[in-house]
Amino acid sequence: MAQLIVRKIGDDLKERLRARAARKSRSLEAEVRAILTEAVEAETQREVGASFGRRMAELFRDTGFTKEEAAAFDREIEHKRRATSFGE
C-alpha cells in the first residue's frame, strides 16, 4: 500500500477532521482515506455521466443530434445522477 503525507494543514482543519472521524467511529487516518476515496469516486461518476452524453451525441451525430441537445442531455444525466446518489 502506498503512503501519503500531508504537510502544513491548519490546526483547526486537523481538529475538525478528528471530530468528524470520532462522529463516525473512525480513526483520523481512516476518515481521511474515506474522504479522499469519496472525492475521487464522485469525480469519476461525474466524468462517466458527462461522457455518456458525449458518446450518445457522437452516436447520433449523423441523425441531427445538435451540440445544444448533447449539452442538455449531459445536464439531464448529471441531474439524475445527483438525484439518485445514495451517498450524498
Protein backbone atom coordinates (compact mmCIF):
# COMPACT_ATOMS: atom_id res chain seq x y z
CA MET A 1 0.00 0.00 0.00
CA ALA A 2 1.15 3.50 -0.75
CA GLN A 3 1.53 6.15 1.90
CA LEU A 4 0.77 9.84 1.64
CA ILE A 5 1.96 12.58 3.97
CA VAL A 6 0.04 15.84 4.00
CA ARG A 7 2.01 18.71 5.47
CA LYS A 8 1.07 22.20 6.58
CA ILE A 9 -2.62 21.75 7.31
CA GLY A 10 -4.08 24.11 9.84
CA ASP A 11 -4.69 23.03 13.42
CA ASP A 12 -8.37 23.90 13.01
CA LEU A 13 -8.73 21.66 9.97
CA LYS A 14 -7.00 18.80 11.74
CA GLU A 15 -9.30 19.18 14.74
CA ARG A 16 -12.41 19.27 12.54
CA LEU A 17 -11.23 16.13 10.75
CA ARG A 18 -10.58 14.45 14.10
CA ALA A 19 -14.09 15.40 15.31
CA ARG A 20 -15.65 14.14 12.07
CA ALA A 21 -13.77 10.86 12.43
CA ALA A 22 -14.96 10.48 16.03
CA ARG A 23 -18.59 11.03 14.98
CA LYS A 24 -18.20 8.16 12.53
CA SER A 25 -16.25 5.97 14.96
CA ARG A 26 -13.18 6.02 12.75
CA SER A 27 -9.56 6.89 13.28
CA LEU A 28 -8.36 10.18 11.81
CA GLU A 29 -6.39 8.23 9.21
CA ALA A 30 -9.42 6.12 8.22
CA GLU A 31 -11.57 9.23 7.92
CA VAL A 32 -9.08 10.96 5.63
CA ARG A 33 -8.89 7.81 3.48
CA ALA A 34 -12.69 7.75 3.25
CA ILE A 35 -12.85 11.44 2.30
CA LEU A 36 -10.24 11.00 -0.44
CA THR A 37 -11.92 7.87 -1.78
CA GLU A 38 -15.36 9.51 -1.86
CA ALA A 39 -14.00 12.62 -3.61
CA VAL A 40 -12.26 10.63 -6.35
CA GLU A 41 -15.23 8.30 -6.86
CA ALA A 42 -17.64 11.25 -7.11
CA GLU A 43 -15.42 12.89 -9.71
CA THR A 44 -15.24 9.64 -11.68
CA GLN A 45 -19.05 9.30 -11.60
CA ARG A 46 -19.44 12.86 -12.91
CA GLU A 47 -16.99 12.14 -15.72
CA VAL A 48 -18.80 8.93 -16.66
CA GLY A 49 -22.17 10.70 -16.71
CA ALA A 50 -20.87 13.54 -18.86
CA SER A 51 -19.01 11.23 -21.22
CA PHE A 52 -22.20 9.21 -21.72
CA GLY A 53 -23.87 12.28 -23.18
CA ARG A 54 -20.92 12.90 -25.46
CA ARG A 55 -20.93 9.27 -26.61
CA MET A 56 -24.63 9.49 -27.36
CA ALA A 57 -24.07 12.73 -29.29
CA GLU A 58 -21.35 11.04 -31.34
CA LEU A 59 -23.54 8.02 -31.97
CA PHE A 60 -26.44 10.15 -33.18
CA ARG A 61 -24.39 12.90 -34.85
CA ASP A 62 -25.49 11.92 -38.33
CA THR A 63 -29.15 11.92 -37.31
CA GLY A 64 -29.17 15.63 -36.44
CA PHE A 65 -28.35 15.47 -32.72
CA THR A 66 -27.12 19.04 -32.11
CA LYS A 67 -24.47 20.30 -29.70
CA GLU A 68 -27.22 22.02 -27.74
CA GLU A 69 -29.11 18.75 -27.42
CA ALA A 70 -25.93 16.99 -26.32
CA ALA A 71 -25.33 19.64 -23.65
CA ALA A 72 -28.94 19.34 -22.48
CA PHE A 73 -28.54 15.57 -22.33
CA ASP A 74 -25.35 15.94 -20.26
CA ARG A 75 -27.20 18.23 -17.84
CA GLU A 76 -30.10 15.80 -17.54
CA ILE A 77 -27.77 12.86 -16.87
CA GLU A 78 -25.94 14.89 -14.18
CA HIS A 79 -29.26 15.92 -12.61
CA LYS A 80 -30.46 12.32 -12.48
CA ARG A 81 -27.10 11.14 -11.12
CA ARG A 82 -27.32 13.64 -8.27
CA ALA A 83 -30.95 12.80 -7.58
CA THR A 84 -30.22 9.07 -7.31
CA SER A 85 -26.94 9.28 -5.40
CA PHE A 86 -27.30 7.32 -2.19
CA GLY A 87 -24.02 8.53 -0.70
CA GLU A 88 -24.88 12.22 -0.54
